[in-house]
Amino acid sequence: STSIVVLIALFILSACSATAPATPPTAAPAAPAATAVPAAAPTAVPAA
């Protein structure tokens, strides 16, 4: 019974642990030295 419970827990976690492939960050162009660069607005994480 314990083995079955552990196995089911692993099945549940594996079914829910898909991850999106990582994408390399793209380099932003350098801002002119005299110009202040505003902070980027936080990106909302899409609901699963």
All heavy atoms as atom14 arrays in JSON, in Angstrom:
{
  "sequence": "STSIVVLIALFILSACSATAPATPPTAAPAAPAATAVPAAAPTAVPAA",
  "atom14_mask": [
    [1, 1, 1, 1, 1, 1, 0, 0, 0, 0, 0, 0, 0, 0],
    [1, 1, 1, 1, 1, 1, 1, 0, 0, 0, 0, 0, 0, 0],
    [1, 1, 1, 1, 1, 1, 0, 0, 0, 0, 0, 0, 0, 0],
    [1, 1, 1, 1, 1, 1, 1, 1, 0, 0, 0, 0, 0, 0],
    [1, 1, 1, 1, 1, 1, 1, 0, 0, 0, 0, 0, 0, 0],
    [1, 1, 1, 1, 1, 1, 1, 0, 0, 0, 0, 0, 0, 0],
    [1, 1, 1, 1, 1, 1, 1, 1, 0, 0, 0, 0, 0, 0],
    [1, 1, 1, 1, 1, 1, 1, 1, 0, 0, 0, 0, 0, 0],
    [1, 1, 1, 1, 1, 0, 0, 0, 0, 0, 0, 0, 0, 0],
    [1, 1, 1, 1, 1, 1, 1, 1, 0, 0, 0, 0, 0, 0],
    [1, 1, 1, 1, 1, 1, 1, 1, 1, 1, 1, 0, 0, 0],
    [1, 1, 1, 1, 1, 1, 1, 1, 0, 0, 0, 0, 0, 0],
    [1, 1, 1, 1, 1, 1, 1, 1, 0, 0, 0, 0, 0, 0],
    [1, 1, 1, 1, 1, 1, 0, 0, 0, 0, 0, 0, 0, 0],
    [1, 1, 1, 1, 1, 0, 0, 0, 0, 0, 0, 0, 0, 0],
    [1, 1, 1, 1, 1, 1, 0, 0, 0, 0, 0, 0, 0, 0],
    [1, 1, 1, 1, 1, 1, 0, 0, 0, 0, 0, 0, 0, 0],
    [1, 1, 1, 1, 1, 0, 0, 0, 0, 0, 0, 0, 0, 0],
    [1, 1, 1, 1, 1, 1, 1, 0, 0, 0, 0, 0, 0, 0],
    [1, 1, 1, 1, 1, 0, 0, 0, 0, 0, 0, 0, 0, 0],
    [1, 1, 1, 1, 1, 1, 1, 0, 0, 0, 0, 0, 0, 0],
    [1, 1, 1, 1, 1, 0, 0, 0, 0, 0, 0, 0, 0, 0],
    [1, 1, 1, 1, 1, 1, 1, 0, 0, 0, 0, 0, 0, 0],
    [1, 1, 1, 1, 1, 1, 1, 0, 0, 0, 0, 0, 0, 0],
    [1, 1, 1, 1, 1, 1, 1, 0, 0, 0, 0, 0, 0, 0],
    [1, 1, 1, 1, 1, 1, 1, 0, 0, 0, 0, 0, 0, 0],
    [1, 1, 1, 1, 1, 0, 0, 0, 0, 0, 0, 0, 0, 0],
    [1, 1, 1, 1, 1, 0, 0, 0, 0, 0, 0, 0, 0, 0],
    [1, 1, 1, 1, 1, 1, 1, 0, 0, 0, 0, 0, 0, 0],
    [1, 1, 1, 1, 1, 0, 0, 0, 0, 0, 0, 0, 0, 0],
    [1, 1, 1, 1, 1, 0, 0, 0, 0, 0, 0, 0, 0, 0],
    [1, 1, 1, 1, 1, 1, 1, 0, 0, 0, 0, 0, 0, 0],
    [1, 1, 1, 1, 1, 0, 0, 0, 0, 0, 0, 0, 0, 0],
    [1, 1, 1, 1, 1, 0, 0, 0, 0, 0, 0, 0, 0, 0],
    [1, 1, 1, 1, 1, 1, 1, 0, 0, 0, 0, 0, 0, 0],
    [1, 1, 1, 1, 1, 0, 0, 0, 0, 0, 0, 0, 0, 0],
    [1, 1, 1, 1, 1, 1, 1, 0, 0, 0, 0, 0, 0, 0],
    [1, 1, 1, 1, 1, 1, 1, 0, 0, 0, 0, 0, 0, 0],
    [1, 1, 1, 1, 1, 0, 0, 0, 0, 0, 0, 0, 0, 0],
    [1, 1, 1, 1, 1, 0, 0, 0, 0, 0, 0, 0, 0, 0],
    [1, 1, 1, 1, 1, 0, 0, 0, 0, 0, 0, 0, 0, 0],
    [1, 1, 1, 1, 1, 1, 1, 0, 0, 0, 0, 0, 0, 0],
    [1, 1, 1, 1, 1, 1, 1, 0, 0, 0, 0, 0, 0, 0],
    [1, 1, 1, 1, 1, 0, 0, 0, 0, 0, 0, 0, 0, 0],
    [1, 1, 1, 1, 1, 1, 1, 0, 0, 0, 0, 0, 0, 0],
    [1, 1, 1, 1, 1, 1, 1, 0, 0, 0, 0, 0, 0, 0],
    [1, 1, 1, 1, 1, 0, 0, 0, 0, 0, 0, 0, 0, 0],
    [1, 1, 1, 1, 1, 0, 0, 0, 0, 0, 0, 0, 0, 0]
  ],
  "atom14_positions": [
    [[0.84, -1.21, 0.0], [0.0, 0.0, 0.0], [0.86, 1.25, 0.0], [0.59, 2.2, -0.73], [-0.92, 0.01, 1.22], [-1.83, -1.05, 1.16], [0.0, 0.0, 0.0], [0.0, 0.0, 0.0], [0.0, 0.0, 0.0], [0.0, 0.0, 0.0], [0.0, 0.0, 0.0], [0.0, 0.0, 0.0], [0.0, 0.0, 0.0], [0.0, 0.0, 0.0]],
    [[1.92, 1.23, 0.8], [2.82, 2.38, 0.84], [3.49, 2.59, -0.51], [3.6, 3.71, -1.0], [3.89, 2.18, 1.93], [3.22, 1.98, 3.18], [4.81, 3.38, 2.04], [0.0, 0.0, 0.0], [0.0, 0.0, 0.0], [0.0, 0.0, 0.0], [0.0, 0.0, 0.0], [0.0, 0.0, 0.0], [0.0, 0.0, 0.0], [0.0, 0.0, 0.0]],
    [[3.92, 1.5, -1.14], [4.56, 1.6, -2.45], [3.61, 2.16, -3.49], [3.99, 2.99, -4.32], [5.06, 0.23, -2.91], [6.04, -0.26, -2.04], [0.0, 0.0, 0.0], [0.0, 0.0, 0.0], [0.0, 0.0, 0.0], [0.0, 0.0, 0.0], [0.0, 0.0, 0.0], [0.0, 0.0, 0.0], [0.0, 0.0, 0.0], [0.0, 0.0, 0.0]],
    [[2.37, 1.74, -3.42], [1.38, 2.23, -4.38], [1.14, 3.72, -4.17], [1.08, 4.48, -5.12], [0.07, 1.42, -4.27], [0.28, 0.0, -4.79], [-1.06, 2.09, -5.03], [-0.88, -0.93, -4.56], [0.0, 0.0, 0.0], [0.0, 0.0, 0.0], [0.0, 0.0, 0.0], [0.0, 0.0, 0.0], [0.0, 0.0, 0.0], [0.0, 0.0, 0.0]],
    [[1.04, 4.15, -2.91], [0.82, 5.56, -2.62], [1.98, 6.39, -3.14], [1.79, 7.43, -3.77], [0.61, 5.78, -1.1], [0.64, 7.25, -0.75], [-0.69, 5.15, -0.66], [0.0, 0.0, 0.0], [0.0, 0.0, 0.0], [0.0, 0.0, 0.0], [0.0, 0.0, 0.0], [0.0, 0.0, 0.0], [0.0, 0.0, 0.0], [0.0, 0.0, 0.0]],
    [[3.21, 5.94, -2.91], [4.38, 6.67, -3.39], [4.39, 6.72, -4.91], [4.65, 7.76, -5.51], [5.68, 6.03, -2.85], [6.91, 6.59, -3.53], [5.77, 6.22, -1.35], [0.0, 0.0, 0.0], [0.0, 0.0, 0.0], [0.0, 0.0, 0.0], [0.0, 0.0, 0.0], [0.0, 0.0, 0.0], [0.0, 0.0, 0.0], [0.0, 0.0, 0.0]],
    [[4.08, 5.61, -5.55], [4.04, 5.57, -7.01], [3.0, 6.53, -7.57], [3.27, 7.26, -8.52], [3.77, 4.14, -7.5], [3.81, 3.91, -8.99], [5.18, 4.27, -9.55], [3.49, 2.47, -9.3], [0.0, 0.0, 0.0], [0.0, 0.0, 0.0], [0.0, 0.0, 0.0], [0.0, 0.0, 0.0], [0.0, 0.0, 0.0], [0.0, 0.0, 0.0]],
    [[1.84, 6.56, -6.98], [0.79, 7.45, -7.44], [1.21, 8.9, -7.24], [1.0, 9.75, -8.11], [-0.54, 7.17, -6.7], [-1.05, 5.78, -7.04], [-1.58, 8.23, -7.02], [-1.16, 5.49, -8.51], [0.0, 0.0, 0.0], [0.0, 0.0, 0.0], [0.0, 0.0, 0.0], [0.0, 0.0, 0.0], [0.0, 0.0, 0.0], [0.0, 0.0, 0.0]],
    [[1.85, 9.19, -6.12], [2.33, 10.55, -5.9], [3.33, 10.95, -6.98], [3.27, 12.07, -7.5], [2.98, 10.66, -4.51], [0.0, 0.0, 0.0], [0.0, 0.0, 0.0], [0.0, 0.0, 0.0], [0.0, 0.0, 0.0], [0.0, 0.0, 0.0], [0.0, 0.0, 0.0], [0.0, 0.0, 0.0], [0.0, 0.0, 0.0], [0.0, 0.0, 0.0]],
    [[4.2, 10.03, -7.34], [5.16, 10.33, -8.41], [4.45, 10.53, -9.74], [4.83, 11.4, -10.52], [6.19, 9.21, -8.52], [7.17, 9.11, -7.34], [8.02, 7.86, -7.47], [8.02, 10.35, -7.25], [0.0, 0.0, 0.0], [0.0, 0.0, 0.0], [0.0, 0.0, 0.0], [0.0, 0.0, 0.0], [0.0, 0.0, 0.0], [0.0, 0.0, 0.0]],
    [[3.43, 9.72, -10.03], [2.67, 9.89, -11.27], [2.01, 11.27, -11.3], [2.04, 11.96, -12.31], [1.58, 8.83, -11.4], [2.07, 7.47, -11.76], [1.35, 6.36, -11.38], [3.24, 7.28, -12.47], [1.78, 5.1, -11.71], [3.68, 6.02, -12.8], [2.95, 4.92, -12.42], [0.0, 0.0, 0.0], [0.0, 0.0, 0.0], [0.0, 0.0, 0.0]],
    [[1.43, 11.65, -10.18], [0.75, 12.94, -10.12], [1.75, 14.08, -10.34], [1.51, 14.98, -11.14], [0.02, 13.11, -8.77], [-1.16, 12.12, -8.68], [-0.46, 14.54, -8.57], [-1.75, 11.99, -7.31], [0.0, 0.0, 0.0], [0.0, 0.0, 0.0], [0.0, 0.0, 0.0], [0.0, 0.0, 0.0], [0.0, 0.0, 0.0], [0.0, 0.0, 0.0]],
    [[2.85, 14.01, -9.64], [3.85, 15.07, -9.78], [4.45, 15.09, -11.18], [4.69, 16.15, -11.74], [4.95, 14.9, -8.74], [4.5, 15.16, -7.31], [5.62, 14.84, -6.34], [4.03, 16.57, -7.12], [0.0, 0.0, 0.0], [0.0, 0.0, 0.0], [0.0, 0.0, 0.0], [0.0, 0.0, 0.0], [0.0, 0.0, 0.0], [0.0, 0.0, 0.0]],
    [[4.67, 13.91, -11.77], [5.25, 13.9, -13.11], [4.26, 14.41, -14.15], [4.65, 15.05, -15.11], [5.75, 12.5, -13.49], [4.65, 11.61, -13.68], [0.0, 0.0, 0.0], [0.0, 0.0, 0.0], [0.0, 0.0, 0.0], [0.0, 0.0, 0.0], [0.0, 0.0, 0.0], [0.0, 0.0, 0.0], [0.0, 0.0, 0.0], [0.0, 0.0, 0.0]],
    [[3.0, 14.17, -13.93], [2.01, 14.66, -14.88], [1.89, 16.18, -14.83], [1.51, 16.81, -15.81], [0.64, 14.04, -14.57], [0.0, 0.0, 0.0], [0.0, 0.0, 0.0], [0.0, 0.0, 0.0], [0.0, 0.0, 0.0], [0.0, 0.0, 0.0], [0.0, 0.0, 0.0], [0.0, 0.0, 0.0], [0.0, 0.0, 0.0], [0.0, 0.0, 0.0]],
    [[2.27, 16.74, -13.72], [2.12, 18.18, -13.54], [3.42, 18.95, -13.61], [3.43, 20.13, -13.37], [1.47, 18.44, -12.2], [-0.12, 17.64, -12.09], [0.0, 0.0, 0.0], [0.0, 0.0, 0.0], [0.0, 0.0, 0.0], [0.0, 0.0, 0.0], [0.0, 0.0, 0.0], [0.0, 0.0, 0.0], [0.0, 0.0, 0.0], [0.0, 0.0, 0.0]],
    [[4.51, 18.28, -13.92], [5.79, 18.98, -13.85], [6.38, 19.29, -15.21], [7.57, 19.46, -15.33], [6.78, 18.15, -13.04], [7.06, 16.94, -13.73], [0.0, 0.0, 0.0], [0.0, 0.0, 0.0], [0.0, 0.0, 0.0], [0.0, 0.0, 0.0], [0.0, 0.0, 0.0], [0.0, 0.0, 0.0], [0.0, 0.0, 0.0], [0.0, 0.0, 0.0]],
    [[5.56, 19.4, -16.22], [6.09, 19.77, -17.54], [6.62, 21.19, -17.47], [5.99, 22.08, -16.91], [5.0, 19.68, -18.6], [0.0, 0.0, 0.0], [0.0, 0.0, 0.0], [0.0, 0.0, 0.0], [0.0, 0.0, 0.0], [0.0, 0.0, 0.0], [0.0, 0.0, 0.0], [0.0, 0.0, 0.0], [0.0, 0.0, 0.0], [0.0, 0.0, 0.0]],
    [[7.78, 21.4, -18.04], [8.37, 22.73, -18.04], [8.55, 23.2, -19.47], [8.77, 22.41, -20.37], [9.72, 22.75, -17.33], [10.58, 21.8, -17.97], [9.58, 22.42, -15.86], [0.0, 0.0, 0.0], [0.0, 0.0, 0.0], [0.0, 0.0, 0.0], [0.0, 0.0, 0.0], [0.0, 0.0, 0.0], [0.0, 0.0, 0.0], [0.0, 0.0, 0.0]],
    [[8.45, 24.47, -19.64], [8.64, 25.04, -20.97], [10.14, 25.08, -21.27], [10.95, 25.26, -20.37], [8.06, 26.45, -21.02], [0.0, 0.0, 0.0], [0.0, 0.0, 0.0], [0.0, 0.0, 0.0], [0.0, 0.0, 0.0], [0.0, 0.0, 0.0], [0.0, 0.0, 0.0], [0.0, 0.0, 0.0], [0.0, 0.0, 0.0], [0.0, 0.0, 0.0]],
    [[10.52, 24.9, -22.53], [11.94, 24.97, -22.86], [12.47, 26.38, -22.61], [11.78, 27.36, -22.84], [11.99, 24.6, -24.34], [10.6, 24.78, -24.86], [9.68, 24.63, -23.68], [0.0, 0.0, 0.0], [0.0, 0.0, 0.0], [0.0, 0.0, 0.0], [0.0, 0.0, 0.0], [0.0, 0.0, 0.0], [0.0, 0.0, 0.0], [0.0, 0.0, 0.0]],
    [[13.68, 26.42, -22.13], [14.29, 27.71, -21.83], [14.66, 28.41, -23.13], [15.12, 27.8, -24.07], [15.53, 27.51, -20.96], [0.0, 0.0, 0.0], [0.0, 0.0, 0.0], [0.0, 0.0, 0.0], [0.0, 0.0, 0.0], [0.0, 0.0, 0.0], [0.0, 0.0, 0.0], [0.0, 0.0, 0.0], [0.0, 0.0, 0.0], [0.0, 0.0, 0.0]],
    [[14.42, 29.72, -23.15], [14.83, 30.51, -24.31], [15.94, 31.43, -23.87], [15.87, 32.02, -22.79], [13.66, 31.33, -24.88], [13.12, 32.14, -23.83], [12.57, 30.44, -25.43], [0.0, 0.0, 0.0], [0.0, 0.0, 0.0], [0.0, 0.0, 0.0], [0.0, 0.0, 0.0], [0.0, 0.0, 0.0], [0.0, 0.0, 0.0], [0.0, 0.0, 0.0]],
    [[17.0, 31.55, -24.67], [18.1, 32.41, -24.26], [17.65, 33.86, -24.23], [16.85, 34.28, -25.06], [19.16, 32.17, -25.33], [18.43, 31.6, -26.5], [17.21, 30.93, -25.96], [0.0, 0.0, 0.0], [0.0, 0.0, 0.0], [0.0, 0.0, 0.0], [0.0, 0.0, 0.0], [0.0, 0.0, 0.0], [0.0, 0.0, 0.0], [0.0, 0.0, 0.0]],
    [[18.16, 34.63, -23.27], [17.77, 36.04, -23.21], [18.37, 36.78, -24.4], [19.44, 36.46, -24.87], [18.36, 36.51, -21.89], [19.44, 35.54, -21.56], [19.05, 34.24, -22.2], [0.0, 0.0, 0.0], [0.0, 0.0, 0.0], [0.0, 0.0, 0.0], [0.0, 0.0, 0.0], [0.0, 0.0, 0.0], [0.0, 0.0, 0.0], [0.0, 0.0, 0.0]],
    [[17.64, 37.77, -24.86], [18.14, 38.58, -25.96], [18.75, 39.84, -25.36], [18.23, 40.4, -24.39], [17.02, 38.95, -26.94], [15.98, 39.61, -26.21], [16.46, 37.71, -27.61], [0.0, 0.0, 0.0], [0.0, 0.0, 0.0], [0.0, 0.0, 0.0], [0.0, 0.0, 0.0], [0.0, 0.0, 0.0], [0.0, 0.0, 0.0], [0.0, 0.0, 0.0]],
    [[19.85, 40.27, -25.93], [20.54, 41.44, -25.41], [19.79, 42.7, -25.84], [19.4, 42.83, -27.0], [21.97, 41.48, -25.94], [0.0, 0.0, 0.0], [0.0, 0.0, 0.0], [0.0, 0.0, 0.0], [0.0, 0.0, 0.0], [0.0, 0.0, 0.0], [0.0, 0.0, 0.0], [0.0, 0.0, 0.0], [0.0, 0.0, 0.0], [0.0, 0.0, 0.0]],
    [[19.57, 43.58, -24.89], [18.9, 44.84, -25.19], [19.96, 45.8, -25.73], [21.11, 45.76, -25.32], [18.26, 45.4, -23.94], [0.0, 0.0, 0.0], [0.0, 0.0, 0.0], [0.0, 0.0, 0.0], [0.0, 0.0, 0.0], [0.0, 0.0, 0.0], [0.0, 0.0, 0.0], [0.0, 0.0, 0.0], [0.0, 0.0, 0.0], [0.0, 0.0, 0.0]],
    [[19.57, 46.67, -26.66], [20.55, 47.65, -27.15], [20.97, 48.58, -26.02], [20.18, 48.88, -25.13], [19.79, 48.41, -28.24], [18.36, 48.04, -28.1], [18.29, 46.79, -27.29], [0.0, 0.0, 0.0], [0.0, 0.0, 0.0], [0.0, 0.0, 0.0], [0.0, 0.0, 0.0], [0.0, 0.0, 0.0], [0.0, 0.0, 0.0], [0.0, 0.0, 0.0]],
    [[22.22, 48.99, -26.04], [22.75, 49.87, -24.99], [22.07, 51.23, -25.07], [21.87, 51.77, -26.15], [24.26, 50.02, -25.15], [0.0, 0.0, 0.0], [0.0, 0.0, 0.0], [0.0, 0.0, 0.0], [0.0, 0.0, 0.0], [0.0, 0.0, 0.0], [0.0, 0.0, 0.0], [0.0, 0.0, 0.0], [0.0, 0.0, 0.0], [0.0, 0.0, 0.0]],
    [[21.7, 51.75, -23.91], [21.07, 53.06, -23.86], [22.16, 54.13, -23.88], [23.25, 53.91, -23.37], [20.24, 53.18, -22.59], [0.0, 0.0, 0.0], [0.0, 0.0, 0.0], [0.0, 0.0, 0.0], [0.0, 0.0, 0.0], [0.0, 0.0, 0.0], [0.0, 0.0, 0.0], [0.0, 0.0, 0.0], [0.0, 0.0, 0.0], [0.0, 0.0, 0.0]],
    [[21.86, 55.29, -24.45], [22.85, 56.38, -24.41], [23.17, 56.73, -22.96], [22.31, 56.65, -22.09], [22.15, 57.54, -25.11], [21.02, 56.93, -25.88], [20.68, 55.65, -25.19], [0.0, 0.0, 0.0], [0.0, 0.0, 0.0], [0.0, 0.0, 0.0], [0.0, 0.0, 0.0], [0.0, 0.0, 0.0], [0.0, 0.0, 0.0], [0.0, 0.0, 0.0]],
    [[24.4, 57.12, -22.7], [24.86, 57.38, -21.34], [24.06, 58.47, -20.66], [23.83, 58.42, -19.46], [26.34, 57.76, -21.36], [0.0, 0.0, 0.0], [0.0, 0.0, 0.0], [0.0, 0.0, 0.0], [0.0, 0.0, 0.0], [0.0, 0.0, 0.0], [0.0, 0.0, 0.0], [0.0, 0.0, 0.0], [0.0, 0.0, 0.0], [0.0, 0.0, 0.0]],
    [[23.59, 59.48, -21.37], [22.9, 60.61, -20.76], [21.42, 60.33, -20.53], [20.74, 61.11, -19.9], [23.06, 61.85, -21.64], [0.0, 0.0, 0.0], [0.0, 0.0, 0.0], [0.0, 0.0, 0.0], [0.0, 0.0, 0.0], [0.0, 0.0, 0.0], [0.0, 0.0, 0.0], [0.0, 0.0, 0.0], [0.0, 0.0, 0.0], [0.0, 0.0, 0.0]],
    [[20.9, 59.24, -21.06], [19.47, 58.96, -20.97], [19.2, 57.92, -19.9], [19.83, 56.88, -19.87], [18.95, 58.43, -22.32], [19.32, 59.34, -23.34], [17.46, 58.23, -22.3], [0.0, 0.0, 0.0], [0.0, 0.0, 0.0], [0.0, 0.0, 0.0], [0.0, 0.0, 0.0], [0.0, 0.0, 0.0], [0.0, 0.0, 0.0], [0.0, 0.0, 0.0]],
    [[18.26, 58.2, -19.04], [17.87, 57.23, -18.02], [16.98, 56.17, -18.67], [16.12, 56.48, -19.47], [17.13, 57.92, -16.89], [0.0, 0.0, 0.0], [0.0, 0.0, 0.0], [0.0, 0.0, 0.0], [0.0, 0.0, 0.0], [0.0, 0.0, 0.0], [0.0, 0.0, 0.0], [0.0, 0.0, 0.0], [0.0, 0.0, 0.0], [0.0, 0.0, 0.0]],
    [[17.2, 54.94, -18.3], [16.41, 53.84, -18.85], [15.38, 53.45, -17.81], [15.72, 53.07, -16.69], [17.31, 52.62, -19.19], [16.48, 51.47, -19.71], [18.39, 53.03, -20.17], [0.0, 0.0, 0.0], [0.0, 0.0, 0.0], [0.0, 0.0, 0.0], [0.0, 0.0, 0.0], [0.0, 0.0, 0.0], [0.0, 0.0, 0.0], [0.0, 0.0, 0.0]],
    [[14.08, 53.57, -18.16], [13.05, 53.2, -17.18], [13.09, 51.69, -16.93], [13.43, 50.92, -17.81], [11.74, 53.62, -17.84], [12.04, 53.71, -19.3], [13.5, 54.02, -19.42], [0.0, 0.0, 0.0], [0.0, 0.0, 0.0], [0.0, 0.0, 0.0], [0.0, 0.0, 0.0], [0.0, 0.0, 0.0], [0.0, 0.0, 0.0], [0.0, 0.0, 0.0]],
    [[12.74, 51.31, -15.72], [12.68, 49.88, -15.38], [11.57, 49.22, -16.18], [10.51, 49.81, -16.41], [12.43, 49.72, -13.88], [0.0, 0.0, 0.0], [0.0, 0.0, 0.0], [0.0, 0.0, 0.0], [0.0, 0.0, 0.0], [0.0, 0.0, 0.0], [0.0, 0.0, 0.0], [0.0, 0.0, 0.0], [0.0, 0.0, 0.0], [0.0, 0.0, 0.0]],
    [[11.82, 48.01, -16.59], [10.81, 47.26, -17.35], [9.66, 46.88, -16.42], [9.86, 46.55, -15.26], [11.44, 46.01, -17.95], [0.0, 0.0, 0.0], [0.0, 0.0, 0.0], [0.0, 0.0, 0.0], [0.0, 0.0, 0.0], [0.0, 0.0, 0.0], [0.0, 0.0, 0.0], [0.0, 0.0, 0.0], [0.0, 0.0, 0.0], [0.0, 0.0, 0.0]],
    [[8.46, 46.95, -16.99], [7.29, 46.57, -16.21], [7.31, 45.06, -16.0], [7.73, 44.31, -16.88], [6.02, 46.97, -16.97], [0.0, 0.0, 0.0], [0.0, 0.0, 0.0], [0.0, 0.0, 0.0], [0.0, 0.0, 0.0], [0.0, 0.0, 0.0], [0.0, 0.0, 0.0], [0.0, 0.0, 0.0], [0.0, 0.0, 0.0], [0.0, 0.0, 0.0]],
    [[6.9, 44.59, -14.84], [6.9, 43.14, -14.61], [5.96, 42.46, -15.6], [4.9, 42.97, -15.93], [6.41, 42.99, -13.17], [5.98, 44.34, -12.71], [6.42, 45.35, -13.72], [0.0, 0.0, 0.0], [0.0, 0.0, 0.0], [0.0, 0.0, 0.0], [0.0, 0.0, 0.0], [0.0, 0.0, 0.0], [0.0, 0.0, 0.0], [0.0, 0.0, 0.0]],
    [[6.4, 41.31, -16.05], [5.6, 40.54, -17.0], [4.71, 39.6, -16.22], [5.18, 38.89, -15.32], [6.51, 39.73, -17.93], [7.43, 40.63, -18.54], [5.73, 38.99, -18.98], [0.0, 0.0, 0.0], [0.0, 0.0, 0.0], [0.0, 0.0, 0.0], [0.0, 0.0, 0.0], [0.0, 0.0, 0.0], [0.0, 0.0, 0.0], [0.0, 0.0, 0.0]],
    [[3.44, 39.58, -16.54], [2.51, 38.68, -15.87], [2.79, 37.25, -16.31], [3.02, 36.99, -17.48], [1.08, 39.07, -16.19], [0.0, 0.0, 0.0], [0.0, 0.0, 0.0], [0.0, 0.0, 0.0], [0.0, 0.0, 0.0], [0.0, 0.0, 0.0], [0.0, 0.0, 0.0], [0.0, 0.0, 0.0], [0.0, 0.0, 0.0], [0.0, 0.0, 0.0]],
    [[2.78, 36.35, -15.36], [2.95, 34.94, -15.67], [1.61, 34.39, -16.1], [0.61, 34.54, -15.38], [3.48, 34.16, -14.44], [3.57, 32.68, -14.73], [4.8, 34.73, -13.99], [0.0, 0.0, 0.0], [0.0, 0.0, 0.0], [0.0, 0.0, 0.0], [0.0, 0.0, 0.0], [0.0, 0.0, 0.0], [0.0, 0.0, 0.0], [0.0, 0.0, 0.0]],
    [[1.53, 33.78, -17.3], [0.25, 33.26, -17.74], [-0.22, 32.13, -16.84], [0.58, 31.35, -16.33], [0.53, 32.76, -19.16], [2.0, 32.56, -19.22], [2.61, 33.51, -18.23], [0.0, 0.0, 0.0], [0.0, 0.0, 0.0], [0.0, 0.0, 0.0], [0.0, 0.0, 0.0], [0.0, 0.0, 0.0], [0.0, 0.0, 0.0], [0.0, 0.0, 0.0]],
    [[-1.5, 32.09, -16.62], [-2.07, 31.02, -15.8], [-1.94, 29.69, -16.52], [-2.11, 29.61, -17.73], [-3.54, 31.32, -15.52], [0.0, 0.0, 0.0], [0.0, 0.0, 0.0], [0.0, 0.0, 0.0], [0.0, 0.0, 0.0], [0.0, 0.0, 0.0], [0.0, 0.0, 0.0], [0.0, 0.0, 0.0], [0.0, 0.0, 0.0], [0.0, 0.0, 0.0]],
    [[-1.6, 28.67, -15.77], [-1.46, 27.34, -16.35], [-2.85, 26.78, -16.66], [-3.84, 27.12, -16.0], [-0.73, 26.42, -15.37], [0.0, 0.0, 0.0], [0.0, 0.0, 0.0], [0.0, 0.0, 0.0], [0.0, 0.0, 0.0], [0.0, 0.0, 0.0], [0.0, 0.0, 0.0], [0.0, 0.0, 0.0], [0.0, 0.0, 0.0], [0.0, 0.0, 0.0]]
  ]
}
